[in-house]
C-alpha cells in the first residue's frame, strides 16, 4: 500500500466515511478509490485535490505523503504536520500488529 493510499484510508476511516461516500464527493468510482487505497493505482494531482476536499483534509498532506522516503519538502502549517505524524503513527502501529499476527500463525 502506498503512503497516499494508506493516508486516504486512515483519514476516511477516522472520519467514519464510507468508501462510496468519499468516491462520490471526489467524483471517482468506488473501484478506483479502492485500488488507490490498496496502492494499486496512483491518483492524478486533480484527483488528489478532489479527494482532499472530500476528506476535509489539507491537500498538502496528500502531496507531502506522495514523496517516497525522506523528503526535502516541508510544511510550516502545524495542522498538516500533526496530521502527517498521526498517519505515520497509525501506519507503524498497523505494521507492528501485522508482524505480531504473522508470528502467531
PDB file of N, CA and C in Angstrom:
ATOM      1  N   UNK A   1       0.857  -1.176   0.000  1.00  0.00           N
ATOM      2  CA  UNK A   1       0.000   0.000   0.000  1.00  0.00           C
ATOM      3  C   UNK A   1       0.900   1.236   0.000  1.00  0.00           C
ATOM      4  N   UNK A   2       0.575   2.187  -0.828  1.00  0.00           N
ATOM      5  CA  UNK A   2       1.364   3.409  -0.869  1.00  0.00           C
ATOM      6  C   UNK A   2       1.012   4.295   0.314  1.00  0.00           C
ATOM      7  N   UNK A   3       1.901   5.212   0.564  1.00  0.00           N
ATOM      8  CA  UNK A   3       1.637   6.143   1.665  1.00  0.00           C
ATOM      9  C   UNK A   3       0.371   6.942   1.420  1.00  0.00           C
ATOM     10  N   UNK A   4       0.149   7.346   0.169  1.00  0.00           N
ATOM     11  CA  UNK A   4      -1.052   8.142  -0.110  1.00  0.00           C
ATOM     12  C   UNK A   4      -2.310   7.300   0.057  1.00  0.00           C
ATOM     13  N   UNK A   5      -2.266   6.054  -0.410  1.00  0.00           N
ATOM     14  CA  UNK A   5      -3.414   5.165  -0.240  1.00  0.00           C
ATOM     15  C   UNK A   5      -3.706   4.916   1.221  1.00  0.00           C
ATOM     16  N   UNK A   6      -2.641   4.691   1.987  1.00  0.00           N
ATOM     17  CA  UNK A   6      -2.783   4.483   3.430  1.00  0.00           C
ATOM     18  C   UNK A   6      -3.382   5.728   4.086  1.00  0.00           C
ATOM     19  N   UNK A   7      -2.889   6.895   3.697  1.00  0.00           N
ATOM     20  CA  UNK A   7      -3.387   8.146   4.282  1.00  0.00           C
ATOM     21  C   UNK A   7      -4.865   8.339   3.992  1.00  0.00           C
ATOM     22  N   UNK A   8      -5.254   8.078   2.766  1.00  0.00           N
ATOM     23  CA  UNK A   8      -6.659   8.240   2.394  1.00  0.00           C
ATOM     24  C   UNK A   8      -7.528   7.293   3.220  1.00  0.00           C
ATOM     25  N   UNK A   9      -7.108   6.039   3.330  1.00  0.00           N
ATOM     26  CA  UNK A   9      -7.883   5.068   4.104  1.00  0.00           C
ATOM     27  C   UNK A   9      -7.954   5.457   5.578  1.00  0.00           C
ATOM     28  N   UNK A  10      -6.815   5.836   6.156  1.00  0.00           N
ATOM     29  CA  UNK A  10      -6.776   6.187   7.580  1.00  0.00           C
ATOM     30  C   UNK A  10      -7.688   7.379   7.865  1.00  0.00           C
ATOM     31  N   UNK A  11      -7.583   8.413   7.052  1.00  0.00           N
ATOM     32  CA  UNK A  11      -8.409   9.605   7.274  1.00  0.00           C
ATOM     33  C   UNK A  11      -9.886   9.285   7.045  1.00  0.00           C
ATOM     34  N   UNK A  12     -10.181   8.540   5.989  1.00  0.00           N
ATOM     35  CA  UNK A  12     -11.574   8.182   5.689  1.00  0.00           C
ATOM     36  C   UNK A  12     -12.187   7.403   6.857  1.00  0.00           C
ATOM     37  N   UNK A  13     -11.454   6.413   7.355  1.00  0.00           N
ATOM     38  CA  UNK A  13     -11.969   5.613   8.462  1.00  0.00           C
ATOM     39  C   UNK A  13     -12.061   6.424   9.751  1.00  0.00           C
ATOM     40  N   UNK A  14     -11.102   7.308   9.981  1.00  0.00           N
ATOM     41  CA  UNK A  14     -11.135   8.141  11.188  1.00  0.00           C
ATOM     42  C   UNK A  14     -12.344   9.073  11.178  1.00  0.00           C
ATOM     43  N   UNK A  15     -12.757   9.467   9.991  1.00  0.00           N
ATOM     44  CA  UNK A  15     -13.931  10.340   9.857  1.00  0.00           C
ATOM     45  C   UNK A  15     -15.223   9.529   9.685  1.00  0.00           C
ATOM     46  N   UNK A  16     -15.123   8.206   9.792  1.00  0.00           N
ATOM     47  CA  UNK A  16     -16.284   7.320   9.638  1.00  0.00           C
ATOM     48  C   UNK A  16     -17.003   7.541   8.314  1.00  0.00           C
ATOM     49  N   UNK A  17     -16.220   7.749   7.258  1.00  0.00           N
ATOM     50  CA  UNK A  17     -16.787   7.917   5.927  1.00  0.00           C
ATOM     51  C   UNK A  17     -16.690   6.592   5.170  1.00  0.00           C
ATOM     52  N   UNK A  18     -17.751   6.277   4.438  1.00  0.00           N
ATOM     53  CA  UNK A  18     -17.739   5.078   3.620  1.00  0.00           C
ATOM     54  C   UNK A  18     -16.956   5.344   2.338  1.00  0.00           C
ATOM     55  N   UNK A  19     -16.414   4.291   1.772  1.00  0.00           N
ATOM     56  CA  UNK A  19     -15.664   4.394   0.529  1.00  0.00           C
ATOM     57  C   UNK A  19     -16.520   5.057  -0.546  1.00  0.00           C
ATOM     58  N   UNK A  20     -17.776   4.632  -0.663  1.00  0.00           N
ATOM     59  CA  UNK A  20     -18.673   5.183  -1.667  1.00  0.00           C
ATOM     60  C   UNK A  20     -18.957   6.661  -1.467  1.00  0.00           C
ATOM     61  N   UNK A  21     -19.048   7.076  -0.223  1.00  0.00           N
ATOM     62  CA  UNK A  21     -19.307   8.471   0.102  1.00  0.00           C
ATOM     63  C   UNK A  21     -18.149   9.354  -0.372  1.00  0.00           C
ATOM     64  N   UNK A  22     -16.928   8.941  -0.060  1.00  0.00           N
ATOM     65  CA  UNK A  22     -15.750   9.720  -0.463  1.00  0.00           C
ATOM     66  C   UNK A  22     -15.597   9.701  -1.982  1.00  0.00           C
ATOM     67  N   UNK A  23     -15.811   8.535  -2.580  1.00  0.00           N
ATOM     68  CA  UNK A  23     -15.700   8.423  -4.037  1.00  0.00           C
ATOM     69  C   UNK A  23     -16.684   9.363  -4.720  1.00  0.00           C
ATOM     70  N   UNK A  24     -17.913   9.370  -4.237  1.00  0.00           N
ATOM     71  CA  UNK A  24     -18.931  10.233  -4.841  1.00  0.00           C
ATOM     72  C   UNK A  24     -18.562  11.706  -4.706  1.00  0.00           C
ATOM     73  N   UNK A  25     -18.155  12.116  -3.504  1.00  0.00           N
ATOM     74  CA  UNK A  25     -17.781  13.515  -3.282  1.00  0.00           C
ATOM     75  C   UNK A  25     -16.586  13.930  -4.132  1.00  0.00           C
ATOM     76  N   UNK A  26     -15.674  12.982  -4.388  1.00  0.00           N
ATOM     77  CA  UNK A  26     -14.471  13.291  -5.168  1.00  0.00           C
ATOM     78  C   UNK A  26     -14.686  13.103  -6.664  1.00  0.00           C
ATOM     79  N   UNK A  27     -15.830  12.532  -7.042  1.00  0.00           N
ATOM     80  CA  UNK A  27     -16.112  12.326  -8.453  1.00  0.00           C
ATOM     81  C   UNK A  27     -15.297  11.210  -9.089  1.00  0.00           C
ATOM     82  N   UNK A  28     -15.013  10.169  -8.293  1.00  0.00           N
ATOM     83  CA  UNK A  28     -14.298   8.995  -8.810  1.00  0.00           C
ATOM     84  C   UNK A  28     -15.144   7.760  -8.513  1.00  0.00           C
ATOM     85  N   UNK A  29     -14.815   6.668  -9.160  1.00  0.00           N
ATOM     86  CA  UNK A  29     -15.566   5.431  -8.920  1.00  0.00           C
ATOM     87  C   UNK A  29     -15.088   4.761  -7.633  1.00  0.00           C
ATOM     88  N   UNK A  30     -15.965   3.975  -7.038  1.00  0.00           N
ATOM     89  CA  UNK A  30     -15.620   3.215  -5.842  1.00  0.00           C
ATOM     90  C   UNK A  30     -14.475   2.234  -6.131  1.00  0.00           C
ATOM     91  N   UNK A  31     -14.528   1.493  -7.254  1.00  0.00           N
ATOM     92  CA  UNK A  31     -13.404   0.585  -7.538  1.00  0.00           C
ATOM     93  C   UNK A  31     -12.074   1.314  -7.669  1.00  0.00           C
ATOM     94  N   UNK A  32     -12.090   2.491  -8.303  1.00  0.00           N
ATOM     95  CA  UNK A  32     -10.847   3.249  -8.442  1.00  0.00           C
ATOM     96  C   UNK A  32     -10.314   3.658  -7.079  1.00  0.00           C
ATOM     97  N   UNK A  33     -11.171   4.202  -6.227  1.00  0.00           N
ATOM     98  CA  UNK A  33     -10.730   4.631  -4.902  1.00  0.00           C
ATOM     99  C   UNK A  33     -10.226   3.449  -4.092  1.00  0.00           C
ATOM    100  N   UNK A  34     -10.883   2.315  -4.216  1.00  0.00           N
ATOM    101  CA  UNK A  34     -10.426   1.116  -3.524  1.00  0.00           C
ATOM    102  C   UNK A  34      -9.017   0.737  -3.982  1.00  0.00           C
ATOM    103  N   UNK A  35      -8.769   0.809  -5.279  1.00  0.00           N
ATOM    104  CA  UNK A  35      -7.432   0.499  -5.802  1.00  0.00           C
ATOM    105  C   UNK A  35      -6.396   1.503  -5.313  1.00  0.00           C
ATOM    106  N   UNK A  36      -6.782   2.764  -5.210  1.00  0.00           N
ATOM    107  CA  UNK A  36      -5.862   3.788  -4.688  1.00  0.00           C
ATOM    108  C   UNK A  36      -5.507   3.457  -3.248  1.00  0.00           C
ATOM    109  N   UNK A  37      -6.517   3.142  -2.436  1.00  0.00           N
ATOM    110  CA  UNK A  37      -6.265   2.820  -1.031  1.00  0.00           C
ATOM    111  C   UNK A  37      -5.371   1.594  -0.880  1.00  0.00           C
ATOM    112  N   UNK A  38      -5.479   0.645  -1.803  1.00  0.00           N
ATOM    113  CA  UNK A  38      -4.658  -0.567  -1.764  1.00  0.00           C
ATOM    114  C   UNK A  38      -3.268  -0.339  -2.357  1.00  0.00           C
ATOM    115  N   UNK A  39      -3.045   0.825  -2.942  1.00  0.00           N
ATOM    116  CA  UNK A  39      -1.749   1.119  -3.538  1.00  0.00           C
ATOM    117  C   UNK A  39      -1.575   0.551  -4.933  1.00  0.00           C
ATOM    118  N   UNK A  40      -2.676   0.143  -5.554  1.00  0.00           N
ATOM    119  CA  UNK A  40      -2.601  -0.444  -6.885  1.00  0.00           C
ATOM    120  C   UNK A  40      -2.814   0.582  -7.994  1.00  0.00           C
ATOM    121  N   UNK A  41      -3.238   1.787  -7.628  1.00  0.00           N
ATOM    122  CA  UNK A  41      -3.401   2.883  -8.580  1.00  0.00           C
ATOM    123  C   UNK A  41      -2.903   4.153  -7.918  1.00  0.00           C
ATOM    124  N   UNK A  42      -2.378   5.056  -8.730  1.00  0.00           N
ATOM    125  CA  UNK A  42      -1.922   6.353  -8.237  1.00  0.00           C
ATOM    126  C   UNK A  42      -2.868   7.432  -8.760  1.00  0.00           C
ATOM    127  N   UNK A  43      -3.417   8.251  -7.881  1.00  0.00           N
ATOM    128  CA  UNK A  43      -4.318   9.306  -8.343  1.00  0.00           C
ATOM    129  C   UNK A  43      -3.542  10.452  -8.984  1.00  0.00           C
ATOM    130  N   UNK A  44      -4.187  11.105  -9.939  1.00  0.00           N
ATOM    131  CA  UNK A  44      -3.592  12.297 -10.549  1.00  0.00           C
ATOM    132  C   UNK A  44      -3.636  13.441  -9.537  1.00  0.00           C
ATOM    133  N   UNK A  45      -2.962  14.520  -9.843  1.00  0.00           N
ATOM    134  CA  UNK A  45      -2.970  15.686  -8.961  1.00  0.00           C
ATOM    135  C   UNK A  45      -4.397  16.213  -8.810  1.00  0.00           C
ATOM    136  N   UNK A  46      -5.138  16.260  -9.914  1.00  0.00           N
ATOM    137  CA  UNK A  46      -6.526  16.717  -9.866  1.00  0.00           C
ATOM    138  C   UNK A  46      -7.361  15.847  -8.931  1.00  0.00           C
ATOM    139  N   UNK A  47      -7.200  14.541  -9.028  1.00  0.00           N
ATOM    140  CA  UNK A  47      -7.952  13.620  -8.177  1.00  0.00           C
ATOM    141  C   UNK A  47      -7.522  13.777  -6.717  1.00  0.00           C
ATOM    142  N   UNK A  48      -6.229  13.989  -6.475  1.00  0.00           N
ATOM    143  CA  UNK A  48      -5.777  14.186  -5.090  1.00  0.00           C
ATOM    144  C   UNK A  48      -6.420  15.429  -4.486  1.00  0.00           C
ATOM    145  N   UNK A  49      -6.541  16.480  -5.276  1.00  0.00           N
ATOM    146  CA  UNK A  49      -7.189  17.700  -4.780  1.00  0.00           C
ATOM    147  C   UNK A  49      -8.651  17.409  -4.448  1.00  0.00           C
ATOM    148  N   UNK A  50      -9.342  16.707  -5.340  1.00  0.00           N
ATOM    149  CA  UNK A  50     -10.750  16.389  -5.086  1.00  0.00           C
ATOM    150  C   UNK A  50     -10.914  15.459  -3.883  1.00  0.00           C
ATOM    151  N   UNK A  51      -9.985  14.515  -3.720  1.00  0.00           N
ATOM    152  CA  UNK A  51     -10.034  13.625  -2.556  1.00  0.00           C
ATOM    153  C   UNK A  51      -9.790  14.400  -1.268  1.00  0.00           C
ATOM    154  N   UNK A  52      -8.859  15.329  -1.293  1.00  0.00           N
ATOM    155  CA  UNK A  52      -8.590  16.111  -0.085  1.00  0.00           C
ATOM    156  C   UNK A  52      -9.819  16.922   0.321  1.00  0.00           C
ATOM    157  N   UNK A  53     -10.552  17.455  -0.668  1.00  0.00           N
ATOM    158  CA  UNK A  53     -11.784  18.188  -0.369  1.00  0.00           C
ATOM    159  C   UNK A  53     -12.827  17.233   0.217  1.00  0.00           C
ATOM    160  N   UNK A  54     -12.972  16.062  -0.402  1.00  0.00           N
ATOM    161  CA  UNK A  54     -13.948  15.071   0.079  1.00  0.00           C
ATOM    162  C   UNK A  54     -13.635  14.604   1.496  1.00  0.00           C
ATOM    163  N   UNK A  55     -12.339  14.543   1.820  1.00  0.00           N
ATOM    164  CA  UNK A  55     -11.914  14.088   3.140  1.00  0.00           C
ATOM    165  C   UNK A  55     -11.776  15.227   4.154  1.00  0.00           C
ATOM    166  N   UNK A  56     -11.991  16.467   3.678  1.00  0.00           N
ATOM    167  CA  UNK A  56     -11.797  17.654   4.524  1.00  0.00           C
ATOM    168  C   UNK A  56     -10.385  17.659   5.090  1.00  0.00           C
ATOM    169  N   UNK A  57      -9.430  17.468   4.205  1.00  0.00           N
ATOM    170  CA  UNK A  57      -8.024  17.323   4.563  1.00  0.00           C
ATOM    171  C   UNK A  57      -7.208  18.325   3.753  1.00  0.00           C
ATOM    172  N   UNK A  58      -6.252  19.021   4.353  1.00  0.00           N
ATOM    173  CA  UNK A  58      -5.419  19.929   3.563  1.00  0.00           C
ATOM    174  C   UNK A  58      -4.721  19.161   2.433  1.00  0.00           C
ATOM    175  N   UNK A  59      -4.778  19.688   1.224  1.00  0.00           N
ATOM    176  CA  UNK A  59      -4.204  18.986   0.083  1.00  0.00           C
ATOM    177  C   UNK A  59      -2.705  18.786   0.251  1.00  0.00           C
ATOM    178  N   UNK A  60      -2.028  19.670   0.971  1.00  0.00           N
ATOM    179  CA  UNK A  60      -0.587  19.494   1.132  1.00  0.00           C
ATOM    180  C   UNK A  60      -0.239  18.248   1.934  1.00  0.00           C
ATOM    181  N   UNK A  61      -1.177  17.730   2.748  1.00  0.00           N
ATOM    182  CA  UNK A  61      -0.931  16.471   3.441  1.00  0.00           C
ATOM    183  C   UNK A  61      -0.758  15.358   2.412  1.00  0.00           C
ATOM    184  N   UNK A  62      -1.689  15.264   1.476  1.00  0.00           N
ATOM    185  CA  UNK A  62      -1.596  14.229   0.452  1.00  0.00           C
ATOM    186  C   UNK A  62      -0.370  14.437  -0.430  1.00  0.00           C
ATOM    187  N   UNK A  63      -0.079  15.682  -0.760  1.00  0.00           N
ATOM    188  CA  UNK A  63       1.084  15.949  -1.610  1.00  0.00           C
ATOM    189  C   UNK A  63       2.380  15.561  -0.912  1.00  0.00           C
ATOM    190  N   UNK A  64       2.514  15.890   0.352  1.00  0.00           N
ATOM    191  CA  UNK A  64       3.725  15.523   1.081  1.00  0.00           C
ATOM    192  C   UNK A  64       3.840  14.012   1.233  1.00  0.00           C
ATOM    193  N   UNK A  65       2.715  13.331   1.364  1.00  0.00           N
ATOM    194  CA  UNK A  65       2.751  11.878   1.523  1.00  0.00           C
ATOM    195  C   UNK A  65       3.050  11.140   0.224  1.00  0.00           C
ATOM    196  N   UNK A  66       2.982  11.827  -0.907  1.00  0.00           N
ATOM    197  CA  UNK A  66       3.340  11.171  -2.171  1.00  0.00           C
ATOM    198  C   UNK A  66       4.842  11.042  -2.317  1.00  0.00           C
ATOM    199  N   UNK A  67       5.591  11.774  -1.528  1.00  0.00           N
ATOM    200  CA  UNK A  67       7.046  11.718  -1.601  1.00  0.00           C
ATOM    201  C   UNK A  67       7.540  10.445  -0.936  1.00  0.00           C
ATOM    202  N   UNK A  68       8.398   9.733  -1.611  1.00  0.00           N
ATOM    203  CA  UNK A  68       8.891   8.473  -1.040  1.00  0.00           C
ATOM    204  C   UNK A  68      10.022   8.737  -0.060  1.00  0.00           C
ATOM    205  N   UNK A  69      10.037   7.975   1.008  1.00  0.00           N
ATOM    206  CA  UNK A  69      11.115   8.055   1.985  1.00  0.00           C
ATOM    207  C   UNK A  69      11.283   9.440   2.583  1.00  0.00           C
ATOM    208  N   UNK A  70      12.519   9.764   2.860  1.00  0.00           N
ATOM    209  CA  UNK A  70      12.824  11.085   3.402  1.00  0.00           C
ATOM    210  C   UNK A  70      12.653  12.109   2.293  1.00  0.00           C
ATOM    211  N   UNK A  71      12.001  13.173   2.598  1.00  0.00           N
ATOM    212  CA  UNK A  71      11.758  14.206   1.602  1.00  0.00           C
ATOM    213  C   UNK A  71      12.285  15.540   2.082  1.00  0.00           C
ATOM    214  N   UNK A  72      12.621  16.380   1.142  1.00  0.00           N
ATOM    215  CA  UNK A  72      13.077  17.719   1.498  1.00  0.00           C
ATOM    216  C   UNK A  72      11.905  18.680   1.578  1.00  0.00           C
ATOM    217  N   UNK A  73      10.726  18.217   1.160  1.00  0.00           N
ATOM    218  CA  UNK A  73       9.555  19.070   1.263  1.00  0.00           C
ATOM    219  C   UNK A  73       9.178  19.231   2.715  1.00  0.00           C
ATOM    220  N   UNK A  74       8.816  20.434   3.061  1.00  0.00           N
ATOM    221  CA  UNK A  74       8.425  20.716   4.431  1.00  0.00           C
ATOM    222  C   UNK A  74       7.171  21.579   4.406  1.00  0.00           C
ATOM    223  N   UNK A  75       6.505  21.612   5.502  1.00  0.00           N
ATOM    224  CA  UNK A  75       5.335  22.460   5.623  1.00  0.00           C
ATOM    225  C   UNK A  75       5.472  23.258   6.908  1.00  0.00           C
ATOM    226  N   UNK A  76       5.091  24.520   6.833  1.00  0.00           N
ATOM    227  CA  UNK A  76       5.108  25.337   8.035  1.00  0.00           C
ATOM    228  C   UNK A  76       3.742  25.307   8.722  1.00  0.00           C
ATOM    229  N   UNK A  77       2.791  24.627   8.084  1.00  0.00           N
ATOM    230  CA  UNK A  77       1.456  24.522   8.646  1.00  0.00           C
ATOM    231  C   UNK A  77       1.449  23.436   9.724  1.00  0.00           C
ATOM    232  N   UNK A  78       1.258  23.834  10.950  1.00  0.00           N
ATOM    233  CA  UNK A  78       1.299  22.899  12.077  1.00  0.00           C
ATOM    234  C   UNK A  78       0.247  21.798  11.951  1.00  0.00           C
ATOM    235  N   UNK A  79      -0.949  22.163  11.491  1.00  0.00           N
ATOM    236  CA  UNK A  79      -2.028  21.188  11.338  1.00  0.00           C
ATOM    237  C   UNK A  79      -1.610  20.084  10.362  1.00  0.00           C
ATOM    238  N   UNK A  80      -0.989  20.468   9.270  1.00  0.00           N
ATOM    239  CA  UNK A  80      -0.524  19.498   8.276  1.00  0.00           C
ATOM    240  C   UNK A  80       0.493  18.559   8.889  1.00  0.00           C
ATOM    241  N   UNK A  81       1.446  19.102   9.619  1.00  0.00           N
ATOM    242  CA  UNK A  81       2.482  18.276  10.237  1.00  0.00           C
ATOM    243  C   UNK A  81       1.902  17.312  11.258  1.00  0.00           C
ATOM    244  N   UNK A  82       0.931  17.756  12.030  1.00  0.00           N
ATOM    245  CA  UNK A  82       0.287  16.898  13.032  1.00  0.00           C
ATOM    246  C   UNK A  82      -0.450  15.754  12.343  1.00  0.00           C
ATOM    247  N   UNK A  83      -1.164  16.057  11.263  1.00  0.00           N
ATOM    248  CA  UNK A  83      -1.897  15.020  10.536  1.00  0.00           C
ATOM    249  C   UNK A  83      -0.933  13.990   9.959  1.00  0.00           C
ATOM    250  N   UNK A  84       0.147  14.458   9.346  1.00  0.00           N
ATOM    251  CA  UNK A  84       1.126  13.541   8.756  1.00  0.00           C
ATOM    252  C   UNK A  84       1.733  12.641   9.828  1.00  0.00           C
ATOM    253  N   UNK A  85       2.113  13.204  10.956  1.00  0.00           N
ATOM    254  CA  UNK A  85       2.682  12.395  12.043  1.00  0.00           C
ATOM    255  C   UNK A  85       1.670  11.363  12.540  1.00  0.00           C
ATOM    256  N   UNK A  86       0.402  11.745  12.645  1.00  0.00           N
ATOM    257  CA  UNK A  86      -0.621  10.811  13.097  1.00  0.00           C
ATOM    258  C   UNK A  86      -0.796   9.668  12.104  1.00  0.00           C
ATOM    259  N   UNK A  87      -0.814   9.982  10.821  1.00  0.00           N
ATOM    260  CA  UNK A  87      -0.949   8.945   9.793  1.00  0.00           C
ATOM    261  C   UNK A  87       0.251   8.008   9.839  1.00  0.00           C
ATOM    262  N   UNK A  88       1.442   8.576   9.973  1.00  0.00           N
ATOM    263  CA  UNK A  88       2.643   7.738  10.055  1.00  0.00           C
ATOM    264  C   UNK A  88       2.611   6.848  11.290  1.00  0.00           C
ATOM    265  N   UNK A  89       2.077   7.349  12.412  1.00  0.00           N
ATOM    266  CA  UNK A  89       1.982   6.545  13.631  1.00  0.00           C
ATOM    267  C   UNK A  89       1.001   5.393  13.444  1.00  0.00           C
ATOM    268  N   UNK A  90      -0.133   5.657  12.796  1.00  0.00           N
ATOM    269  CA  UNK A  90      -1.102   4.594  12.527  1.00  0.00           C
ATOM    270  C   UNK A  90      -0.488   3.545  11.611  1.00  0.00           C
ATOM    271  N   UNK A  91       0.231   3.987  10.598  1.00  0.00           N
ATOM    272  CA  UNK A  91       0.891   3.074   9.666  1.00  0.00           C
ATOM    273  C   UNK A  91       1.888   2.179  10.399  1.00  0.00           C
ATOM    274  N   UNK A  92       2.701   2.764  11.257  1.00  0.00           N
ATOM    275  CA  UNK A  92       3.690   1.988  12.011  1.00  0.00           C
ATOM    276  C   UNK A  92       3.013   0.992  12.951  1.00  0.00           C
ATOM    277  N   UNK A  93       1.943   1.421  13.609  1.00  0.00           N
ATOM    278  CA  UNK A  93       1.216   0.521  14.515  1.00  0.00           C
ATOM    279  C   UNK A  93       0.596  -0.638  13.750  1.00  0.00           C
ATOM    280  N   UNK A  94       0.055  -0.350  12.578  1.00  0.00           N
ATOM    281  CA  UNK A  94      -0.544  -1.422  11.771  1.00  0.00           C
ATOM    282  C   UNK A  94       0.518  -2.426  11.326  1.00  0.00           C
ATOM    283  N   UNK A  95       1.701  -1.932  10.929  1.00  0.00           N
ATOM    284  CA  UNK A  95       2.779  -2.838  10.519  1.00  0.00           C
ATOM    285  C   UNK A  95       3.222  -3.713  11.683  1.00  0.00           C
ATOM    286  N   UNK A  96       3.340  -3.140  12.890  1.00  0.00           N
ATOM    287  CA  UNK A  96       3.727  -3.923  14.064  1.00  0.00           C
ATOM    288  C   UNK A  96       2.683  -4.987  14.377  1.00  0.00           C
ATOM    289  N   UNK A  97       1.419  -4.622  14.304  1.00  0.00           N
ATOM    290  CA  UNK A  97       0.347  -5.563  14.568  1.00  0.00           C
ATOM    291  C   UNK A  97       0.351  -6.696  13.553  1.00  0.00           C
ATOM    292  N   UNK A  98       0.501  -6.366  12.277  1.00  0.00           N
ATOM    293  CA  UNK A  98       0.540  -7.407  11.243  1.00  0.00           C
ATOM    294  C   UNK A  98       1.719  -8.352  11.478  1.00  0.00           C
ATOM    295  N   UNK A  99       2.854  -7.803  11.866  1.00  0.00           N
ATOM    296  CA  UNK A  99       4.042  -8.615  12.132  1.00  0.00           C
ATOM    297  C   UNK A  99       3.781  -9.586  13.288  1.00  0.00           C
ATOM    298  N   UNK A 100       3.176  -9.090  14.350  1.00  0.00           N
ATOM    299  CA  UNK A 100       2.880  -9.944  15.506  1.00  0.00           C
ATOM    300  C   UNK A 100       1.861 -11.015  15.159  1.00  0.00           C
ATOM    301  N   UNK A 101       0.867 -10.640  14.359  1.00  0.00           N
ATOM    302  CA  UNK A 101      -0.142 -11.628  13.949  1.00  0.00           C
ATOM    303  C   UNK A 101       0.489 -12.691  13.044  1.00  0.00           C
ATOM    304  N   UNK A 102       1.410 -12.290  12.200  1.00  0.00           N
ATOM    305  CA  UNK A 102       2.104 -13.254  11.337  1.00  0.00           C
ATOM    306  C   UNK A 102       2.912 -14.245  12.166  1.00  0.00           C
ATOM    307  N   UNK A 103       3.498 -13.778  13.265  1.00  0.00           N
ATOM    308  CA  UNK A 103       4.276 -14.661  14.133  1.00  0.00           C
ATOM    309  C   UNK A 103       3.393 -15.677  14.853  1.00  0.00           C
ATOM    310  N   UNK A 104       2.145 -15.341  15.045  1.00  0.00           N
ATOM    311  CA  UNK A 104       1.218 -16.228  15.753  1.00  0.00           C
ATOM    312  C   UNK A 104       0.710 -17.354  14.851  1.00  0.00           C
ATOM    313  N   UNK A 105       0.859 -17.205  13.549  1.00  0.00           N
ATOM    314  CA  UNK A 105       0.335 -18.232  12.627  1.00  0.00           C
ATOM    315  C   UNK A 105       1.228 -19.431  12.564  1.00  0.00           C
TER     316      UNK A 105
END
